[in-house]
Amino acid sequence: VGGGFLGNLKKSWHPQTLKNVERVWKAEQKHEAEKKKIEELQRELREERAREEMQRFAEDAGVVK
């Protein structure tokens, strides 16, 4: 009669089909890459702000023109 649980594996939306597992894995990889890129940009921005702050401090102290 019905395929039971194994019948669900034929459905395109089923989470255990290889195509869906691959799609989820690729989405997770893309998300991680975007997260790392954002973290890197934030780190660069913090470093740039710190350099600018040091430059301003040095200018205020008269060490650098």
PDB file of N, CA and C in Angstrom:
ATOM      1  N   VAL A   1       0.861  -1.175   0.000  1.00  0.00           N
ATOM      2  CA  VAL A   1       0.000   0.000   0.000  1.00  0.00           C
ATOM      3  C   VAL A   1       0.901   1.230   0.000  1.00  0.00           C
ATOM      4  N   GLY A   2       0.860   2.084   1.027  1.00  0.00           N
ATOM      5  CA  GLY A   2       1.663   3.299   1.047  1.00  0.00           C
ATOM      6  C   GLY A   2       3.138   2.981   1.227  1.00  0.00           C
ATOM      7  N   GLY A   3       3.974   3.885   0.851  1.00  0.00           N
ATOM      8  CA  GLY A   3       5.415   3.696   0.959  1.00  0.00           C
ATOM      9  C   GLY A   3       5.928   3.849   2.373  1.00  0.00           C
ATOM     10  N   GLY A   4       5.057   4.320   3.265  1.00  0.00           N
ATOM     11  CA  GLY A   4       5.511   4.522   4.638  1.00  0.00           C
ATOM     12  C   GLY A   4       6.580   5.597   4.695  1.00  0.00           C
ATOM     13  N   PHE A   5       7.499   5.457   5.620  1.00  0.00           N
ATOM     14  CA  PHE A   5       8.556   6.468   5.802  1.00  0.00           C
ATOM     15  C   PHE A   5       9.439   6.592   4.569  1.00  0.00           C
ATOM     16  N   LEU A   6       9.768   5.475   3.957  1.00  0.00           N
ATOM     17  CA  LEU A   6      10.660   5.517   2.797  1.00  0.00           C
ATOM     18  C   LEU A   6      10.050   6.296   1.642  1.00  0.00           C
ATOM     19  N   GLY A   7       8.733   6.385   1.602  1.00  0.00           N
ATOM     20  CA  GLY A   7       8.084   7.166   0.559  1.00  0.00           C
ATOM     21  C   GLY A   7       8.435   8.637   0.663  1.00  0.00           C
ATOM     22  N   ASN A   8       8.713   9.118   1.879  1.00  0.00           N
ATOM     23  CA  ASN A   8       9.053  10.525   2.068  1.00  0.00           C
ATOM     24  C   ASN A   8      10.397  10.868   1.442  1.00  0.00           C
ATOM     25  N   LEU A   9      11.280   9.887   1.296  1.00  0.00           N
ATOM     26  CA  LEU A   9      12.593  10.171   0.716  1.00  0.00           C
ATOM     27  C   LEU A   9      12.483  10.594  -0.742  1.00  0.00           C
ATOM     28  N   LYS A  10      11.377  10.286  -1.375  1.00  0.00           N
ATOM     29  CA  LYS A  10      11.185  10.672  -2.768  1.00  0.00           C
ATOM     30  C   LYS A  10      10.683  12.096  -2.896  1.00  0.00           C
ATOM     31  N   LYS A  11      10.210  12.673  -1.823  1.00  0.00           N
ATOM     32  CA  LYS A  11       9.689  14.033  -1.865  1.00  0.00           C
ATOM     33  C   LYS A  11      10.844  15.017  -2.011  1.00  0.00           C
ATOM     34  N   SER A  12      10.657  16.042  -2.795  1.00  0.00           N
ATOM     35  CA  SER A  12      11.731  17.004  -3.045  1.00  0.00           C
ATOM     36  C   SER A  12      12.074  17.806  -1.794  1.00  0.00           C
ATOM     37  N   TRP A  13      11.141  17.943  -0.871  1.00  0.00           N
ATOM     38  CA  TRP A  13      11.388  18.753   0.317  1.00  0.00           C
ATOM     39  C   TRP A  13      11.998  17.969   1.467  1.00  0.00           C
ATOM     40  N   HIS A  14      12.146  16.687   1.319  1.00  0.00           N
ATOM     41  CA  HIS A  14      12.604  15.859   2.436  1.00  0.00           C
ATOM     42  C   HIS A  14      14.042  16.220   2.829  1.00  0.00           C
ATOM     43  N   PRO A  15      14.318  16.404   4.129  1.00  0.00           N
ATOM     44  CA  PRO A  15      15.639  16.867   4.579  1.00  0.00           C
ATOM     45  C   PRO A  15      16.766  15.862   4.386  1.00  0.00           C
ATOM     46  N   GLN A  16      16.456  14.593   4.116  1.00  0.00           N
ATOM     47  CA  GLN A  16      17.522  13.612   3.979  1.00  0.00           C
ATOM     48  C   GLN A  16      17.890  13.322   2.529  1.00  0.00           C
ATOM     49  N   THR A  17      17.220  13.955   1.574  1.00  0.00           N
ATOM     50  CA  THR A  17      17.628  13.719   0.190  1.00  0.00           C
ATOM     51  C   THR A  17      18.992  14.360  -0.016  1.00  0.00           C
ATOM     52  N   LEU A  18      19.812  13.725  -0.815  1.00  0.00           N
ATOM     53  CA  LEU A  18      21.177  14.206  -1.026  1.00  0.00           C
ATOM     54  C   LEU A  18      21.195  15.638  -1.545  1.00  0.00           C
ATOM     55  N   LYS A  19      20.296  15.948  -2.430  1.00  0.00           N
ATOM     56  CA  LYS A  19      20.251  17.296  -2.997  1.00  0.00           C
ATOM     57  C   LYS A  19      19.957  18.328  -1.908  1.00  0.00           C
ATOM     58  N   ASN A  20      19.037  18.005  -1.003  1.00  0.00           N
ATOM     59  CA  ASN A  20      18.701  18.940   0.071  1.00  0.00           C
ATOM     60  C   ASN A  20      19.817  19.047   1.101  1.00  0.00           C
ATOM     61  N   VAL A  21      20.480  17.934   1.393  1.00  0.00           N
ATOM     62  CA  VAL A  21      21.608  17.969   2.325  1.00  0.00           C
ATOM     63  C   VAL A  21      22.711  18.851   1.737  1.00  0.00           C
ATOM     64  N   GLU A  22      22.968  18.696   0.450  1.00  0.00           N
ATOM     65  CA  GLU A  22      23.986  19.505  -0.221  1.00  0.00           C
ATOM     66  C   GLU A  22      23.590  20.981  -0.221  1.00  0.00           C
ATOM     67  N   ARG A  23      22.314  21.243  -0.479  1.00  0.00           N
ATOM     68  CA  ARG A  23      21.834  22.631  -0.510  1.00  0.00           C
ATOM     69  C   ARG A  23      22.009  23.287   0.861  1.00  0.00           C
ATOM     70  N   VAL A  24      21.683  22.565   1.921  1.00  0.00           N
ATOM     71  CA  VAL A  24      21.838  23.098   3.271  1.00  0.00           C
ATOM     72  C   VAL A  24      23.315  23.320   3.583  1.00  0.00           C
ATOM     73  N   TRP A  25      24.153  22.366   3.217  1.00  0.00           N
ATOM     74  CA  TRP A  25      25.591  22.488   3.476  1.00  0.00           C
ATOM     75  C   TRP A  25      26.160  23.715   2.765  1.00  0.00           C
ATOM     76  N   LYS A  26      25.780  23.901   1.486  1.00  0.00           N
ATOM     77  CA  LYS A  26      26.271  25.062   0.737  1.00  0.00           C
ATOM     78  C   LYS A  26      25.790  26.366   1.361  1.00  0.00           C
ATOM     79  N   ALA A  27      24.548  26.394   1.815  1.00  0.00           N
ATOM     80  CA  ALA A  27      24.017  27.597   2.461  1.00  0.00           C
ATOM     81  C   ALA A  27      24.777  27.892   3.748  1.00  0.00           C
ATOM     82  N   GLU A  28      25.094  26.843   4.504  1.00  0.00           N
ATOM     83  CA  GLU A  28      25.857  27.031   5.746  1.00  0.00           C
ATOM     84  C   GLU A  28      27.260  27.539   5.443  1.00  0.00           C
ATOM     85  N   GLN A  29      27.893  27.002   4.397  1.00  0.00           N
ATOM     86  CA  GLN A  29      29.235  27.452   4.017  1.00  0.00           C
ATOM     87  C   GLN A  29      29.214  28.917   3.594  1.00  0.00           C
ATOM     88  N   LYS A  30      28.207  29.286   2.834  1.00  0.00           N
ATOM     89  CA  LYS A  30      28.077  30.675   2.385  1.00  0.00           C
ATOM     90  C   LYS A  30      27.877  31.594   3.575  1.00  0.00           C
ATOM     91  N   HIS A  31      27.047  31.169   4.514  1.00  0.00           N
ATOM     92  CA  HIS A  31      26.791  31.969   5.716  1.00  0.00           C
ATOM     93  C   HIS A  31      28.079  32.155   6.522  1.00  0.00           C
ATOM     94  N   GLU A  32      28.845  31.081   6.699  1.00  0.00           N
ATOM     95  CA  GLU A  32      30.105  31.167   7.444  1.00  0.00           C
ATOM     96  C   GLU A  32      31.093  32.094   6.747  1.00  0.00           C
ATOM     97  N   ALA A  33      31.164  32.016   5.416  1.00  0.00           N
ATOM     98  CA  ALA A  33      32.075  32.875   4.668  1.00  0.00           C
ATOM     99  C   ALA A  33      31.674  34.340   4.825  1.00  0.00           C
ATOM    100  N   GLU A  34      30.383  34.622   4.760  1.00  0.00           N
ATOM    101  CA  GLU A  34      29.912  35.994   4.941  1.00  0.00           C
ATOM    102  C   GLU A  34      30.201  36.481   6.351  1.00  0.00           C
ATOM    103  N   LYS A  35      30.009  35.601   7.330  1.00  0.00           N
ATOM    104  CA  LYS A  35      30.273  35.959   8.727  1.00  0.00           C
ATOM    105  C   LYS A  35      31.753  36.294   8.923  1.00  0.00           C
ATOM    106  N   LYS A  36      32.643  35.469   8.340  1.00  0.00           N
ATOM    107  CA  LYS A  36      34.082  35.731   8.454  1.00  0.00           C
ATOM    108  C   LYS A  36      34.452  37.035   7.766  1.00  0.00           C
ATOM    109  N   LYS A  37      33.845  37.306   6.619  1.00  0.00           N
ATOM    110  CA  LYS A  37      34.132  38.543   5.894  1.00  0.00           C
ATOM    111  C   LYS A  37      33.715  39.757   6.718  1.00  0.00           C
ATOM    112  N   ILE A  38      32.539  39.680   7.342  1.00  0.00           N
ATOM    113  CA  ILE A  38      32.064  40.781   8.181  1.00  0.00           C
ATOM    114  C   ILE A  38      32.985  40.977   9.374  1.00  0.00           C
ATOM    115  N   GLU A  39      33.402  39.886  10.011  1.00  0.00           N
ATOM    116  CA  GLU A  39      34.306  39.982  11.158  1.00  0.00           C
ATOM    117  C   GLU A  39      35.641  40.606  10.742  1.00  0.00           C
ATOM    118  N   GLU A  40      36.145  40.229   9.570  1.00  0.00           N
ATOM    119  CA  GLU A  40      37.402  40.787   9.077  1.00  0.00           C
ATOM    120  C   GLU A  40      37.260  42.286   8.813  1.00  0.00           C
ATOM    121  N   LEU A  41      36.157  42.687   8.198  1.00  0.00           N
ATOM    122  CA  LEU A  41      35.937  44.105   7.931  1.00  0.00           C
ATOM    123  C   LEU A  41      35.814  44.895   9.234  1.00  0.00           C
ATOM    124  N   GLN A  42      35.141  44.318  10.227  1.00  0.00           N
ATOM    125  CA  GLN A  42      35.026  44.980  11.526  1.00  0.00           C
ATOM    126  C   GLN A  42      36.387  45.123  12.193  1.00  0.00           C
ATOM    127  N   ARG A  43      37.212  44.090  12.081  1.00  0.00           N
ATOM    128  CA  ARG A  43      38.551  44.147  12.668  1.00  0.00           C
ATOM    129  C   ARG A  43      39.377  45.232  11.994  1.00  0.00           C
ATOM    130  N   GLU A  44      39.316  45.288  10.657  1.00  0.00           N
ATOM    131  CA  GLU A  44      40.052  46.317   9.929  1.00  0.00           C
ATOM    132  C   GLU A  44      39.579  47.711  10.314  1.00  0.00           C
ATOM    133  N   LEU A  45      38.283  47.877  10.485  1.00  0.00           N
ATOM    134  CA  LEU A  45      37.739  49.176  10.872  1.00  0.00           C
ATOM    135  C   LEU A  45      38.227  49.581  12.260  1.00  0.00           C
ATOM    136  N   ARG A  46      38.239  48.616  13.200  1.00  0.00           N
ATOM    137  CA  ARG A  46      38.751  48.923  14.549  1.00  0.00           C
ATOM    138  C   ARG A  46      40.217  49.335  14.489  1.00  0.00           C
ATOM    139  N   GLU A  47      41.022  48.617  13.690  1.00  0.00           N
ATOM    140  CA  GLU A  47      42.441  48.951  13.570  1.00  0.00           C
ATOM    141  C   GLU A  47      42.631  50.334  12.949  1.00  0.00           C
ATOM    142  N   GLU A  48      41.840  50.635  11.930  1.00  0.00           N
ATOM    143  CA  GLU A  48      41.955  51.936  11.267  1.00  0.00           C
ATOM    144  C   GLU A  48      41.584  53.057  12.241  1.00  0.00           C
ATOM    145  N   ARG A  49      40.532  52.847  13.009  1.00  0.00           N
ATOM    146  CA  ARG A  49      40.129  53.864  13.993  1.00  0.00           C
ATOM    147  C   ARG A  49      41.215  54.052  15.050  1.00  0.00           C
ATOM    148  N   ALA A  50      41.829  52.958  15.475  1.00  0.00           N
ATOM    149  CA  ALA A  50      42.889  53.050  16.475  1.00  0.00           C
ATOM    150  C   ALA A  50      44.081  53.829  15.915  1.00  0.00           C
ATOM    151  N   ARG A  51      44.437  53.563  14.635  1.00  0.00           N
ATOM    152  CA  ARG A  51      45.537  54.310  14.009  1.00  0.00           C
ATOM    153  C   ARG A  51      45.217  55.798  13.916  1.00  0.00           C
ATOM    154  N   GLU A  52      43.974  56.100  13.524  1.00  0.00           N
ATOM    155  CA  GLU A  52      43.582  57.507  13.423  1.00  0.00           C
ATOM    156  C   GLU A  52      43.616  58.180  14.791  1.00  0.00           C
ATOM    157  N   GLU A  53      43.182  57.466  15.808  1.00  0.00           N
ATOM    158  CA  GLU A  53      43.204  58.019  17.161  1.00  0.00           C
ATOM    159  C   GLU A  53      44.639  58.280  17.618  1.00  0.00           C
ATOM    160  N   MET A  54      45.541  57.344  17.336  1.00  0.00           N
ATOM    161  CA  MET A  54      46.952  57.539  17.692  1.00  0.00           C
ATOM    162  C   MET A  54      47.538  58.720  16.921  1.00  0.00           C
ATOM    163  N   GLN A  55      47.178  58.834  15.648  1.00  0.00           N
ATOM    164  CA  GLN A  55      47.672  59.939  14.816  1.00  0.00           C
ATOM    165  C   GLN A  55      47.193  61.269  15.392  1.00  0.00           C
ATOM    166  N   ARG A  56      45.912  61.358  15.750  1.00  0.00           N
ATOM    167  CA  ARG A  56      45.363  62.585  16.330  1.00  0.00           C
ATOM    168  C   ARG A  56      46.044  62.908  17.654  1.00  0.00           C
ATOM    169  N   PHE A  57      46.263  61.887  18.470  1.00  0.00           N
ATOM    170  CA  PHE A  57      46.918  62.088  19.756  1.00  0.00           C
ATOM    171  C   PHE A  57      48.338  62.624  19.554  1.00  0.00           C
ATOM    172  N   ALA A  58      49.042  62.032  18.586  1.00  0.00           N
ATOM    173  CA  ALA A  58      50.408  62.475  18.306  1.00  0.00           C
ATOM    174  C   ALA A  58      50.414  63.929  17.787  1.00  0.00           C
ATOM    175  N   GLU A  59      49.432  64.251  16.943  1.00  0.00           N
ATOM    176  CA  GLU A  59      49.345  65.628  16.433  1.00  0.00           C
ATOM    177  C   GLU A  59      49.034  66.605  17.566  1.00  0.00           C
ATOM    178  N   ASP A  60      48.123  66.207  18.450  1.00  0.00           N
ATOM    179  CA  ASP A  60      47.779  67.070  19.594  1.00  0.00           C
ATOM    180  C   ASP A  60      48.949  67.247  20.532  1.00  0.00           C
ATOM    181  N   ALA A  61      49.774  66.228  20.670  1.00  0.00           N
ATOM    182  CA  ALA A  61      50.929  66.294  21.554  1.00  0.00           C
ATOM    183  C   ALA A  61      52.090  67.031  20.890  1.00  0.00           C
ATOM    184  N   GLY A  62      51.971  67.322  19.600  1.00  0.00           N
ATOM    185  CA  GLY A  62      53.026  68.043  18.893  1.00  0.00           C
ATOM    186  C   GLY A  62      54.153  67.162  18.413  1.00  0.00           C
ATOM    187  N   VAL A  63      54.006  65.872  18.472  1.00  0.00           N
ATOM    188  CA  VAL A  63      55.046  64.956  18.045  1.00  0.00           C
ATOM    189  C   VAL A  63      55.068  64.872  16.520  1.00  0.00           C
ATOM    190  N   VAL A  64      53.892  64.894  15.901  1.00  0.00           N
ATOM    191  CA  VAL A  64      53.764  64.767  14.448  1.00  0.00           C
ATOM    192  C   VAL A  64      52.990  65.975  13.938  1.00  0.00           C
ATOM    193  N   LYS A  65      53.387  66.464  12.770  1.00  0.00           N
ATOM    194  CA  LYS A  65      52.655  67.590  12.176  1.00  0.00           C
ATOM    195  C   LYS A  65      51.545  67.117  11.307  1.00  0.00           C
TER     196      LYS A  65
END
